[in-house]
N, C-alpha and C. Protein backbone atom coordinates (compact mmCIF):
# COMPACT_ATOMS: atom_id res chain seq x y z
N MET A 1 -10.85 -14.36 52.82
CA MET A 1 -11.53 -15.14 51.61
C MET A 1 -11.63 -13.98 50.31
N THR A 2 -11.64 -13.87 49.15
CA THR A 2 -11.94 -13.39 48.23
C THR A 2 -13.38 -13.38 47.76
N GLU A 3 -14.01 -12.65 47.20
CA GLU A 3 -15.38 -12.45 47.05
C GLU A 3 -15.55 -13.32 45.76
N ARG A 4 -15.85 -14.50 45.27
CA ARG A 4 -16.38 -14.83 44.25
C ARG A 4 -17.65 -13.70 43.54
N VAL A 5 -17.18 -13.09 42.21
CA VAL A 5 -18.04 -12.07 41.70
C VAL A 5 -18.86 -12.63 40.58
N ALA A 6 -18.54 -13.53 40.01
CA ALA A 6 -19.27 -14.03 38.97
C ALA A 6 -18.69 -15.41 38.38
N ALA A 7 -19.92 -16.53 37.86
CA ALA A 7 -19.38 -17.78 37.51
C ALA A 7 -20.53 -17.99 36.73
N LEU A 8 -20.31 -19.16 35.72
CA LEU A 8 -20.94 -19.84 34.90
C LEU A 8 -20.53 -21.28 34.69
N GLU A 9 -21.45 -22.18 34.47
CA GLU A 9 -21.09 -23.44 34.28
C GLU A 9 -22.26 -24.46 33.66
N GLY A 10 -22.01 -24.31 32.24
CA GLY A 10 -23.59 -25.07 31.63
C GLY A 10 -23.02 -25.27 30.30
N VAL A 11 -23.70 -25.15 29.15
CA VAL A 11 -23.66 -25.92 27.99
C VAL A 11 -24.02 -24.79 27.02
N ARG A 12 -23.10 -24.17 25.86
CA ARG A 12 -23.89 -23.48 24.91
C ARG A 12 -24.13 -23.54 23.65
N VAL A 13 -25.36 -24.92 22.70
CA VAL A 13 -25.28 -24.61 21.72
C VAL A 13 -25.46 -23.93 20.78
N ASP A 14 -25.28 -24.01 19.30
CA ASP A 14 -25.41 -22.93 18.23
C ASP A 14 -27.21 -23.64 17.50
N GLU A 15 -27.42 -22.78 16.94
CA GLU A 15 -28.55 -23.23 15.73
C GLU A 15 -28.44 -24.27 15.47
N ASP A 16 -27.56 -24.64 15.00
CA ASP A 16 -27.39 -26.08 14.23
C ASP A 16 -26.64 -27.28 15.32
N GLY A 17 -27.20 -26.93 16.65
CA GLY A 17 -27.07 -27.87 17.33
C GLY A 17 -25.73 -28.34 17.74
N VAL A 18 -24.78 -27.54 17.00
CA VAL A 18 -23.39 -27.76 17.46
C VAL A 18 -22.74 -27.40 19.20
N VAL A 19 -21.81 -28.05 19.31
CA VAL A 19 -21.95 -27.50 21.38
C VAL A 19 -20.48 -26.28 20.81
N VAL A 20 -20.99 -25.24 20.49
CA VAL A 20 -19.66 -24.22 21.26
C VAL A 20 -19.20 -23.72 22.34
N ILE A 21 -19.90 -23.84 23.36
CA ILE A 21 -19.25 -24.42 24.53
C ILE A 21 -19.52 -25.54 25.23
N GLY A 22 -18.48 -26.06 26.19
CA GLY A 22 -19.12 -26.92 27.04
C GLY A 22 -18.72 -28.19 28.17
N ASP A 23 -19.53 -27.91 29.31
CA ASP A 23 -18.85 -28.80 30.34
C ASP A 23 -17.99 -27.62 30.77
N VAL A 24 -18.42 -26.83 31.00
CA VAL A 24 -17.20 -25.59 31.21
C VAL A 24 -17.62 -25.08 32.42
N PHE A 25 -16.93 -24.72 33.53
CA PHE A 25 -16.93 -23.91 34.33
C PHE A 25 -15.96 -22.92 34.34
N PHE A 26 -16.61 -21.82 35.25
CA PHE A 26 -16.02 -20.61 35.13
C PHE A 26 -16.15 -19.75 35.90
N GLU A 27 -15.22 -19.18 36.69
CA GLU A 27 -15.27 -18.02 38.21
C GLU A 27 -13.89 -17.29 38.14
N VAL A 28 -14.99 -15.42 38.14
CA VAL A 28 -13.61 -14.75 38.78
C VAL A 28 -14.19 -14.19 39.95
N ALA A 29 -13.36 -13.78 40.69
CA ALA A 29 -13.31 -13.63 42.04
C ALA A 29 -12.47 -11.59 42.08
N ALA A 30 -13.16 -10.94 43.07
CA ALA A 30 -12.98 -9.43 43.10
C ALA A 30 -11.19 -9.76 43.54
N GLY A 31 -10.10 -8.47 42.56
CA GLY A 31 -8.86 -8.64 43.12
C GLY A 31 -8.05 -9.60 41.66
N GLU A 32 -8.88 -10.57 40.90
CA GLU A 32 -8.30 -11.21 39.67
C GLU A 32 -8.68 -10.29 38.46
N MET A 33 -7.65 -10.53 37.38
CA MET A 33 -7.33 -10.36 35.98
C MET A 33 -7.32 -12.04 35.58
N VAL A 34 -8.49 -12.45 34.79
CA VAL A 34 -8.00 -13.38 34.64
C VAL A 34 -8.12 -13.36 32.87
N GLY A 35 -7.28 -14.42 32.08
CA GLY A 35 -7.23 -14.41 31.07
C GLY A 35 -8.08 -15.38 30.37
N ILE A 36 -9.08 -15.69 28.80
CA ILE A 36 -9.11 -16.29 28.60
C ILE A 36 -8.54 -16.57 27.18
N VAL A 37 -7.62 -17.63 26.91
CA VAL A 37 -6.75 -17.76 25.97
C VAL A 37 -6.79 -19.26 25.16
N GLY A 38 -6.72 -19.05 24.03
CA GLY A 38 -6.42 -20.49 22.85
C GLY A 38 -7.07 -20.07 21.62
N PRO A 39 -6.53 -20.94 20.76
CA PRO A 39 -7.10 -20.43 19.37
C PRO A 39 -7.73 -19.63 18.52
N SER A 40 -8.30 -19.36 17.73
CA SER A 40 -9.29 -18.87 17.17
C SER A 40 -9.93 -19.78 16.59
N GLY A 41 -11.41 -19.14 17.38
CA GLY A 41 -12.49 -20.79 17.27
C GLY A 41 -13.33 -21.18 18.50
N SER A 42 -11.92 -21.09 19.38
CA SER A 42 -11.93 -22.11 20.58
C SER A 42 -13.54 -21.54 21.51
N GLY A 43 -13.95 -20.15 21.03
CA GLY A 43 -15.11 -20.44 22.34
C GLY A 43 -15.00 -19.34 23.19
N LYS A 44 -13.72 -18.38 23.21
CA LYS A 44 -13.56 -17.30 24.39
C LYS A 44 -14.72 -16.43 23.66
N THR A 45 -14.97 -15.44 22.60
CA THR A 45 -15.54 -14.95 23.08
C THR A 45 -17.05 -14.97 23.35
N THR A 46 -17.37 -16.56 22.79
CA THR A 46 -18.72 -17.00 23.22
C THR A 46 -19.16 -17.16 24.77
N LEU A 47 -18.20 -17.73 25.42
CA LEU A 47 -17.50 -17.30 26.90
C LEU A 47 -17.94 -16.19 27.72
N LEU A 48 -17.59 -15.06 26.94
CA LEU A 48 -17.76 -13.85 27.31
C LEU A 48 -18.80 -13.10 27.05
N ASN A 49 -19.81 -13.91 26.44
CA ASN A 49 -20.76 -13.49 26.03
C ASN A 49 -22.10 -14.12 27.00
N VAL A 50 -21.63 -15.51 27.66
CA VAL A 50 -22.11 -16.13 28.18
C VAL A 50 -22.45 -15.79 29.84
N LEU A 51 -20.78 -14.84 29.67
CA LEU A 51 -21.00 -15.08 31.17
C LEU A 51 -21.22 -13.33 31.07
N LEU A 52 -21.73 -12.61 30.77
CA LEU A 52 -22.27 -11.33 30.53
C LEU A 52 -23.60 -11.22 30.44
N GLY A 53 -23.99 -13.02 29.75
CA GLY A 53 -25.57 -12.62 29.42
C GLY A 53 -26.21 -12.36 29.15
N LEU A 54 -25.06 -11.81 27.51
CA LEU A 54 -25.96 -11.44 26.14
C LEU A 54 -26.18 -12.88 25.32
N ARG A 55 -25.30 -13.72 25.57
CA ARG A 55 -26.14 -15.00 24.94
C ARG A 55 -25.94 -16.21 26.03
N ALA A 56 -27.42 -17.01 26.07
CA ALA A 56 -27.67 -17.81 27.36
C ALA A 56 -26.92 -19.08 26.84
N VAL A 57 -27.30 -20.04 28.28
CA VAL A 57 -27.24 -21.46 28.00
C VAL A 57 -27.92 -21.90 27.58
N ASP A 58 -27.81 -23.20 27.33
CA ASP A 58 -28.70 -24.29 26.61
C ASP A 58 -28.66 -25.16 27.70
N ALA A 59 -28.78 -24.95 28.61
CA ALA A 59 -27.93 -26.14 30.38
C ALA A 59 -27.24 -25.54 31.62
N GLY A 60 -27.98 -25.25 32.19
CA GLY A 60 -26.78 -24.63 33.26
C GLY A 60 -26.77 -23.50 33.71
N THR A 61 -25.91 -23.13 35.00
CA THR A 61 -26.46 -21.46 34.87
C THR A 61 -25.32 -20.86 34.91
N VAL A 62 -25.65 -19.71 35.19
CA VAL A 62 -24.89 -18.27 35.60
C VAL A 62 -25.11 -17.47 36.31
N ALA A 63 -24.07 -16.93 36.92
CA ALA A 63 -24.24 -17.11 38.64
C ALA A 63 -24.11 -15.12 37.98
N ALA A 64 -25.30 -13.70 38.73
CA ALA A 64 -25.06 -12.89 38.47
C ALA A 64 -23.85 -12.53 39.45
N PRO A 65 -23.18 -11.72 39.13
CA PRO A 65 -22.22 -10.81 40.12
C PRO A 65 -22.49 -10.53 41.26
N SER A 66 -21.76 -10.79 42.54
CA SER A 66 -21.70 -10.76 43.76
C SER A 66 -21.05 -9.40 43.96
N LEU A 67 -21.45 -7.73 43.37
CA LEU A 67 -21.09 -6.58 44.52
C LEU A 67 -21.03 -6.10 44.98
N GLY A 68 -22.31 -6.21 45.94
CA GLY A 68 -22.35 -5.83 47.03
C GLY A 68 -23.60 -5.11 46.84
N GLY A 69 -25.11 -4.91 47.43
CA GLY A 69 -25.69 -3.96 47.73
C GLY A 69 -26.54 -4.47 46.81
N ASP A 70 -27.00 -3.74 45.97
CA ASP A 70 -28.05 -4.75 44.96
C ASP A 70 -27.25 -4.18 43.15
N ARG A 71 -26.14 -3.83 43.25
CA ARG A 71 -25.36 -3.18 42.21
C ARG A 71 -25.23 -4.60 40.81
N GLY A 72 -24.98 -5.86 41.54
CA GLY A 72 -25.03 -6.54 40.09
C GLY A 72 -25.21 -6.70 39.21
N TRP A 73 -25.81 -6.70 38.20
CA TRP A 73 -25.64 -7.21 36.05
C TRP A 73 -25.38 -5.56 36.03
N ARG A 74 -25.77 -4.80 37.42
CA ARG A 74 -25.91 -3.43 36.44
C ARG A 74 -24.56 -2.47 36.70
N ASP A 75 -23.20 -3.38 37.34
CA ASP A 75 -21.97 -3.14 37.88
C ASP A 75 -21.27 -3.79 37.12
N VAL A 76 -21.17 -3.89 35.68
CA VAL A 76 -20.60 -4.65 34.42
C VAL A 76 -20.23 -3.48 33.52
N ALA A 77 -19.27 -3.77 33.21
CA ALA A 77 -18.63 -3.16 32.04
C ALA A 77 -18.27 -4.02 30.75
N PHE A 78 -17.84 -3.32 29.71
CA PHE A 78 -18.12 -4.46 28.20
C PHE A 78 -17.13 -3.84 27.55
N VAL A 79 -15.85 -4.07 27.02
CA VAL A 79 -14.96 -4.09 25.52
C VAL A 79 -15.29 -5.14 25.47
N PRO A 80 -16.42 -4.43 24.14
CA PRO A 80 -16.58 -5.44 23.10
C PRO A 80 -15.42 -5.16 21.99
N GLN A 81 -15.08 -5.99 21.41
CA GLN A 81 -14.19 -6.36 19.57
C GLN A 81 -15.07 -5.00 18.70
N ALA A 82 -16.31 -4.64 19.24
CA ALA A 82 -16.52 -4.03 17.64
C ALA A 82 -16.98 -2.20 18.40
N LEU A 83 -16.20 -1.92 20.02
CA LEU A 83 -15.74 -0.80 20.42
C LEU A 83 -17.29 -0.34 20.85
N GLY A 84 -18.41 0.14 20.14
CA GLY A 84 -19.20 1.09 20.28
C GLY A 84 -19.30 2.06 20.78
N LEU A 85 -18.20 2.52 20.15
CA LEU A 85 -17.87 4.62 20.04
C LEU A 85 -19.00 5.24 19.60
N VAL A 86 -19.78 6.39 19.62
CA VAL A 86 -20.47 7.49 19.15
C VAL A 86 -19.43 7.75 18.41
N PRO A 87 -19.58 7.98 17.11
CA PRO A 87 -18.50 8.36 16.45
C PRO A 87 -18.68 10.33 16.40
N GLU A 88 -19.62 10.78 16.92
CA GLU A 88 -20.03 12.12 16.37
C GLU A 88 -19.52 12.73 17.77
N LEU A 89 -19.27 12.02 18.77
CA LEU A 89 -18.81 12.20 19.89
C LEU A 89 -17.54 12.70 20.17
N THR A 90 -16.91 13.29 21.00
CA THR A 90 -15.22 13.49 21.22
C THR A 90 -14.90 12.53 22.17
N VAL A 91 -13.36 12.00 22.18
CA VAL A 91 -13.35 10.83 23.53
C VAL A 91 -13.87 11.58 24.06
N ALA A 92 -13.92 12.70 25.34
CA ALA A 92 -13.97 12.98 26.36
C ALA A 92 -15.61 12.17 26.66
N ASP A 93 -16.59 13.39 26.10
CA ASP A 93 -17.62 12.33 25.51
C ASP A 93 -18.09 11.03 25.81
N ASN A 94 -17.01 10.26 24.54
CA ASN A 94 -17.75 8.92 25.01
C ASN A 94 -17.17 8.06 25.86
N VAL A 95 -15.67 8.65 26.81
CA VAL A 95 -15.57 7.90 27.65
C VAL A 95 -16.41 8.34 29.24
N ARG A 96 -17.30 9.19 29.41
CA ARG A 96 -17.63 9.86 30.03
C ARG A 96 -19.33 9.27 29.99
N LEU A 97 -19.99 8.35 28.92
CA LEU A 97 -21.49 8.39 28.38
C LEU A 97 -21.64 7.67 29.28
N PRO A 98 -21.00 6.58 29.94
CA PRO A 98 -21.64 5.93 30.86
C PRO A 98 -21.95 6.13 32.28
N LEU A 99 -21.44 7.22 32.88
CA LEU A 99 -21.89 8.03 33.69
C LEU A 99 -22.72 8.91 33.82
N VAL A 100 -22.99 9.73 32.55
CA VAL A 100 -23.65 10.51 32.37
C VAL A 100 -25.07 9.76 32.21
N LEU A 101 -25.24 8.49 31.76
CA LEU A 101 -26.28 7.64 31.60
C LEU A 101 -26.73 6.79 32.76
N SER A 102 -25.70 6.54 33.73
CA SER A 102 -25.66 6.13 34.87
C SER A 102 -26.00 6.98 35.80
N ARG A 103 -26.12 8.52 35.73
CA ARG A 103 -25.44 9.07 36.69
C ARG A 103 -24.34 9.55 38.06
N ARG A 104 -23.65 8.58 37.32
CA ARG A 104 -22.24 8.51 38.86
C ARG A 104 -21.10 9.10 38.43
N THR A 105 -20.44 8.92 39.27
CA THR A 105 -19.13 10.07 39.13
C THR A 105 -18.22 9.67 38.89
N ALA A 106 -16.62 9.85 37.84
CA ALA A 106 -15.43 8.86 37.26
C ALA A 106 -15.23 8.46 38.64
N ASP A 107 -14.55 7.78 38.18
CA ASP A 107 -13.09 7.04 38.98
C ASP A 107 -11.87 7.50 38.41
N ASP A 108 -11.79 8.38 38.93
CA ASP A 108 -10.43 8.91 38.46
C ASP A 108 -10.02 9.03 36.88
N GLU A 109 -11.28 9.71 36.72
CA GLU A 109 -10.76 9.71 34.79
C GLU A 109 -9.75 10.26 34.50
N ALA A 110 -9.04 11.27 34.77
CA ALA A 110 -7.56 11.80 34.71
C ALA A 110 -6.62 10.71 34.60
N GLY A 111 -6.78 10.19 35.69
CA GLY A 111 -5.79 9.00 35.46
C GLY A 111 -5.62 7.80 34.59
N VAL A 112 -7.29 7.46 34.56
CA VAL A 112 -6.98 6.83 32.94
C VAL A 112 -7.02 7.06 31.81
N LEU A 113 -6.94 8.45 31.48
CA LEU A 113 -6.86 8.85 30.57
C LEU A 113 -5.66 9.16 30.33
N ALA A 114 -4.76 9.38 31.31
CA ALA A 114 -3.11 9.28 31.07
C ALA A 114 -2.08 8.65 30.90
N SER A 115 -2.95 6.86 31.90
CA SER A 115 -2.64 5.78 31.82
C SER A 115 -2.25 5.46 30.50
N LEU A 116 -3.18 5.24 29.29
CA LEU A 116 -4.05 5.48 28.04
C LEU A 116 -3.47 5.85 27.54
N ALA A 117 -2.44 6.94 27.54
CA ALA A 117 -2.01 8.12 26.10
C ALA A 117 -3.24 8.63 25.50
N LEU A 118 -4.10 9.30 26.46
CA LEU A 118 -5.72 9.53 25.27
C LEU A 118 -5.58 11.25 26.17
N VAL A 119 -4.92 11.82 26.88
CA VAL A 119 -5.16 12.89 27.39
C VAL A 119 -5.44 14.20 26.02
N HIS A 120 -4.15 14.36 25.30
CA HIS A 120 -4.32 15.23 24.01
C HIS A 120 -5.44 14.65 22.81
N LEU A 121 -5.90 14.06 22.87
CA LEU A 121 -6.89 13.34 22.30
C LEU A 121 -8.14 14.06 22.45
N CYS A 122 -9.00 14.23 23.60
CA CYS A 122 -9.77 14.53 24.32
C CYS A 122 -10.69 15.58 23.86
N ALA A 123 -10.33 16.14 22.78
CA ALA A 123 -11.30 17.09 22.39
C ALA A 123 -11.74 16.92 20.67
N ARG A 124 -11.15 15.39 20.49
CA ARG A 124 -10.97 15.26 18.93
C ARG A 124 -12.38 14.28 18.51
N ARG A 125 -12.99 14.10 17.99
CA ARG A 125 -14.50 13.30 17.63
C ARG A 125 -13.83 11.62 17.36
N ALA A 126 -14.12 11.31 17.95
CA ALA A 126 -14.13 9.50 17.85
C ALA A 126 -13.77 9.03 16.29
N SER A 127 -14.61 9.11 15.59
CA SER A 127 -14.14 9.30 13.95
C SER A 127 -13.50 10.20 13.38
N GLU A 128 -11.70 10.95 13.98
CA GLU A 128 -11.25 11.45 13.51
C GLU A 128 -9.84 11.24 14.44
N ILE A 129 -9.86 9.77 15.10
CA ILE A 129 -8.58 8.89 15.44
C ILE A 129 -8.24 7.65 14.97
N SER A 130 -7.68 7.12 15.42
CA SER A 130 -7.36 5.95 14.87
C SER A 130 -7.99 4.76 15.27
N LEU A 131 -8.09 3.79 15.22
CA LEU A 131 -8.67 2.12 15.35
C LEU A 131 -7.96 2.03 16.54
N GLY A 132 -6.89 2.11 16.66
CA GLY A 132 -5.46 1.80 18.35
C GLY A 132 -6.35 2.70 18.77
N GLU A 133 -6.45 3.75 18.89
CA GLU A 133 -6.53 5.02 19.65
C GLU A 133 -7.88 4.72 20.12
N GLN A 134 -9.49 4.39 19.05
CA GLN A 134 -10.39 4.33 19.58
C GLN A 134 -10.66 2.70 20.59
N GLN A 135 -9.57 2.16 20.18
CA GLN A 135 -9.93 0.94 21.58
C GLN A 135 -9.29 1.31 22.83
N ARG A 136 -8.22 2.06 22.89
CA ARG A 136 -8.21 2.53 24.16
C ARG A 136 -8.94 3.49 24.84
N VAL A 137 -10.05 4.18 23.82
CA VAL A 137 -10.84 4.77 24.68
C VAL A 137 -12.31 4.22 24.86
N ALA A 138 -12.37 3.29 24.27
CA ALA A 138 -13.87 2.15 24.82
C ALA A 138 -13.04 1.19 26.27
N VAL A 139 -11.55 1.36 26.23
CA VAL A 139 -10.96 0.60 27.36
C VAL A 139 -10.98 1.73 28.65
N ALA A 140 -10.74 2.52 28.87
CA ALA A 140 -10.74 4.11 29.48
C ALA A 140 -12.28 3.87 29.80
N ARG A 141 -13.55 3.86 28.61
CA ARG A 141 -14.94 3.89 29.38
C ARG A 141 -14.85 3.04 30.45
N ALA A 142 -14.74 1.59 29.58
CA ALA A 142 -14.84 1.04 30.95
C ALA A 142 -14.21 0.87 32.24
N LEU A 143 -13.19 1.43 32.53
CA LEU A 143 -12.63 2.10 33.69
C LEU A 143 -13.09 2.68 34.40
N VAL A 144 -13.67 3.71 33.58
CA VAL A 144 -13.30 5.51 34.53
C VAL A 144 -15.38 5.13 35.26
N CYS A 145 -15.97 4.39 34.90
CA CYS A 145 -17.13 4.13 35.39
C CYS A 145 -16.62 3.10 36.70
N GLY A 146 -15.57 3.12 37.39
CA GLY A 146 -15.98 2.18 38.69
C GLY A 146 -16.46 0.62 38.86
N ALA A 147 -16.82 -0.17 37.77
CA ALA A 147 -17.68 -1.01 37.88
C ALA A 147 -16.49 -2.21 38.48
N GLY A 148 -17.51 -3.33 39.05
CA GLY A 148 -16.81 -3.55 39.79
C GLY A 148 -16.70 -5.19 39.00
N LEU A 149 -16.98 -5.33 37.79
CA LEU A 149 -16.81 -6.16 36.77
C LEU A 149 -16.05 -5.74 35.86
N VAL A 150 -15.15 -5.98 34.82
CA VAL A 150 -14.54 -5.23 33.81
C VAL A 150 -14.62 -6.66 32.86
N VAL A 151 -14.91 -6.51 31.88
CA VAL A 151 -15.00 -7.64 30.31
C VAL A 151 -14.41 -7.08 29.64
N ALA A 152 -13.51 -7.38 29.12
CA ALA A 152 -12.50 -7.38 27.59
C ALA A 152 -12.00 -8.57 26.58
N ASP A 153 -13.04 -8.17 25.63
CA ASP A 153 -12.62 -8.89 24.21
C ASP A 153 -11.51 -8.31 23.34
N GLU A 154 -9.98 -9.34 23.43
CA GLU A 154 -9.57 -8.77 22.28
C GLU A 154 -9.04 -7.35 23.15
N PRO A 155 -8.78 -6.68 23.73
CA PRO A 155 -8.27 -5.32 24.07
C PRO A 155 -7.59 -5.05 23.85
N THR A 156 -6.34 -4.89 23.45
CA THR A 156 -5.16 -4.99 22.82
C THR A 156 -4.97 -5.51 21.53
N ALA A 157 -6.26 -5.65 20.67
CA ALA A 157 -5.98 -6.12 19.27
C ALA A 157 -4.88 -5.23 18.02
N HIS A 158 -5.62 -3.75 18.65
CA HIS A 158 -5.44 -3.13 17.33
C HIS A 158 -4.32 -2.06 18.22
N GLN A 159 -3.18 -2.67 19.10
CA GLN A 159 -2.68 -1.79 19.79
C GLN A 159 -0.61 -2.36 19.45
N ASP A 160 0.15 -1.10 19.19
CA ASP A 160 1.20 -1.36 18.81
C ASP A 160 1.77 -1.93 20.38
N ALA A 161 3.58 -2.64 20.32
CA ALA A 161 3.94 -3.07 21.37
C ALA A 161 3.51 -1.96 22.73
N VAL A 162 3.83 -0.70 22.36
CA VAL A 162 3.89 -0.50 23.58
C VAL A 162 2.51 0.18 24.66
N ASN A 163 1.53 0.29 23.68
CA ASN A 163 0.69 0.67 23.92
C ASN A 163 -0.59 -0.35 24.32
N ALA A 164 0.01 -1.76 23.62
CA ALA A 164 -1.21 -3.03 24.48
C ALA A 164 -0.12 -3.22 26.17
N GLU A 165 1.03 -2.61 26.19
CA GLU A 165 1.12 -3.00 27.68
C GLU A 165 1.00 -1.89 28.52
N ARG A 166 0.53 -0.68 27.94
CA ARG A 166 -0.30 0.40 28.33
C ARG A 166 -1.92 -0.12 29.14
N VAL A 167 -2.49 -1.03 28.05
CA VAL A 167 -3.06 -1.12 28.23
C VAL A 167 -3.77 -2.16 29.57
N ALA A 168 -2.61 -3.26 29.35
CA ALA A 168 -2.06 -4.30 30.21
C ALA A 168 -2.01 -3.72 31.60
N SER A 169 -1.50 -2.80 31.83
CA SER A 169 -0.97 -2.00 33.16
C SER A 169 -2.73 -1.64 33.39
N ALA A 170 -3.27 -1.20 32.91
CA ALA A 170 -4.61 -0.31 33.13
C ALA A 170 -5.50 -0.73 33.84
N LEU A 171 -5.65 -2.28 32.87
CA LEU A 171 -6.53 -3.82 33.40
C LEU A 171 -6.10 -4.44 34.78
N ALA A 172 -4.42 -4.45 34.23
CA ALA A 172 -4.35 -5.12 35.62
C ALA A 172 -3.70 -4.11 37.61
N SER A 173 -4.16 -2.85 36.59
CA SER A 173 -4.25 -1.13 38.23
C SER A 173 -5.46 -1.66 38.57
N ALA A 174 -6.43 -2.06 37.18
CA ALA A 174 -8.21 -1.72 38.13
C ALA A 174 -7.83 -3.12 39.17
N ALA A 175 -7.62 -4.42 38.56
CA ALA A 175 -7.73 -5.91 39.63
C ALA A 175 -7.53 -5.58 41.08
N ARG A 176 -5.88 -5.03 40.77
CA ARG A 176 -5.16 -4.71 41.68
C ARG A 176 -5.74 -3.83 43.28
N ALA A 177 -7.07 -2.83 41.80
CA ALA A 177 -7.56 -1.65 43.39
C ALA A 177 -9.07 -3.16 43.51
N GLY A 178 -9.10 -4.07 42.98
CA GLY A 178 -10.25 -4.93 43.75
C GLY A 178 -11.34 -5.27 43.26
N ARG A 179 -11.36 -4.70 41.78
CA ARG A 179 -12.16 -5.38 40.38
C ARG A 179 -11.85 -6.90 40.60
N ALA A 180 -12.99 -6.94 39.55
CA ALA A 180 -12.77 -8.60 38.81
C ALA A 180 -12.98 -8.16 37.41
N VAL A 181 -11.68 -8.50 37.16
CA VAL A 181 -11.50 -8.02 35.65
C VAL A 181 -11.39 -9.58 34.46
N VAL A 182 -12.18 -9.70 32.92
CA VAL A 182 -11.96 -10.86 32.54
C VAL A 182 -11.61 -10.37 31.23
N VAL A 183 -10.28 -10.87 30.65
CA VAL A 183 -9.92 -10.39 29.15
C VAL A 183 -9.81 -11.90 28.41
N ALA A 184 -10.70 -11.77 27.50
CA ALA A 184 -10.33 -12.62 25.87
C ALA A 184 -9.03 -12.30 25.53
N THR A 185 -7.95 -13.01 24.74
CA THR A 185 -6.39 -12.19 24.47
C THR A 185 -6.12 -13.61 23.57
N HIS A 186 -4.96 -12.77 22.38
CA HIS A 186 -3.81 -13.76 22.05
C HIS A 186 -2.90 -12.47 22.75
N ASP A 187 -3.07 -11.76 23.38
CA ASP A 187 -1.62 -11.07 23.58
C ASP A 187 -1.10 -11.58 24.61
N VAL A 188 0.83 -12.02 24.12
CA VAL A 188 1.40 -11.78 25.19
C VAL A 188 1.51 -11.75 26.56
N ALA A 189 2.28 -10.22 25.99
CA ALA A 189 1.84 -9.58 27.21
C ALA A 189 0.81 -9.23 27.86
N LEU A 190 -0.70 -8.95 27.36
CA LEU A 190 -1.43 -8.90 28.44
C LEU A 190 -2.07 -10.56 29.15
N SER A 191 -1.46 -11.38 28.68
CA SER A 191 -1.23 -12.72 29.01
C SER A 191 -0.66 -12.64 30.39
N ALA A 192 0.63 -12.05 30.20
CA ALA A 192 1.21 -12.54 31.67
C ALA A 192 1.20 -11.37 32.38
N ALA A 193 0.29 -10.71 32.49
CA ALA A 193 -0.24 -9.67 33.84
C ALA A 193 -1.08 -10.43 34.31
N CYS A 194 -1.70 -10.91 33.58
CA CYS A 194 -3.03 -11.90 33.94
C CYS A 194 -2.88 -12.72 35.81
N THR A 195 -3.96 -12.56 36.64
CA THR A 195 -3.31 -13.59 37.69
C THR A 195 -3.42 -14.68 37.81
N ARG A 196 -3.97 -15.19 36.17
CA ARG A 196 -4.35 -16.43 36.26
C ARG A 196 -5.07 -16.68 35.04
N LEU A 197 -5.07 -17.73 34.16
CA LEU A 197 -5.34 -17.94 32.87
C LEU A 197 -6.31 -18.84 32.99
N VAL A 198 -7.68 -19.04 31.56
CA VAL A 198 -7.79 -20.32 31.67
C VAL A 198 -7.93 -20.63 30.31
N THR A 199 -7.56 -21.90 29.48
CA THR A 199 -7.49 -22.35 28.45
C THR A 199 -8.39 -23.26 27.88
N LEU A 200 -9.35 -22.47 26.95
CA LEU A 200 -10.08 -22.80 25.96
C LEU A 200 -9.27 -23.81 24.45
N HIS A 201 -10.43 -24.60 24.43
CA HIS A 201 -9.53 -25.43 23.19
C HIS A 201 -10.95 -25.76 22.67
N ALA A 202 -11.55 -26.21 21.32
CA ALA A 202 -12.81 -25.99 20.85
C ALA A 202 -14.48 -26.48 22.01
N GLY A 203 -14.10 -25.08 22.61
CA GLY A 203 -15.46 -25.15 23.51
C GLY A 203 -15.13 -25.20 25.09
N ARG A 204 -13.85 -25.77 25.19
CA ARG A 204 -13.90 -26.63 26.67
C ARG A 204 -12.86 -26.19 27.18
N VAL A 205 -12.62 -26.08 28.46
CA VAL A 205 -11.14 -25.27 29.24
C VAL A 205 -10.33 -26.94 29.26
N VAL A 206 -8.68 -26.30 28.83
CA VAL A 206 -8.27 -27.71 28.77
C VAL A 206 -7.30 -27.38 29.71
N ARG A 207 -7.43 -26.89 30.62
CA ARG A 207 -5.85 -25.74 31.52
C ARG A 207 -6.77 -24.51 32.25
């Protein structure tokens, strides 16, 4: 049986008392790439933030990742829409930053950089490359640290068709290697690469 990595079941209410997500049950297992899909405003980003523990549920529970040993939440990588790169650092140093901070070794750094067409940019500062390239750097940063759970919010939003396929392929490869991957997306190519889709509407799972 595939190991369940993380799950949530609960309700998130904003400060005005409006239910942002409600009656949601969601789980992801190792080896899966689960796509969170739905129209703008349906609650995709909020669902990811709740799953990551960045926003609390008002009722219900969020099960911490079960990744073996004591890894838990420390073994989660996130690709936010804001990307979170350090502009003054090079592409290579941005990708390696989580490794430096956690004192871990890279998981096929060269292969990840090549799969995302970033090798030729490694010596350039993050501030010197395009937004689409920056987004692929953020994806590479999430993948090289070997995290058991990878969560990405619209990771192809700034990509052309060719590079969107590269991102989708890299994330799908991580899932095939035994990681759990969760992506919120509007991208048809990325959705097609997922093993399962969860469709949201008005903060609730409809399919």
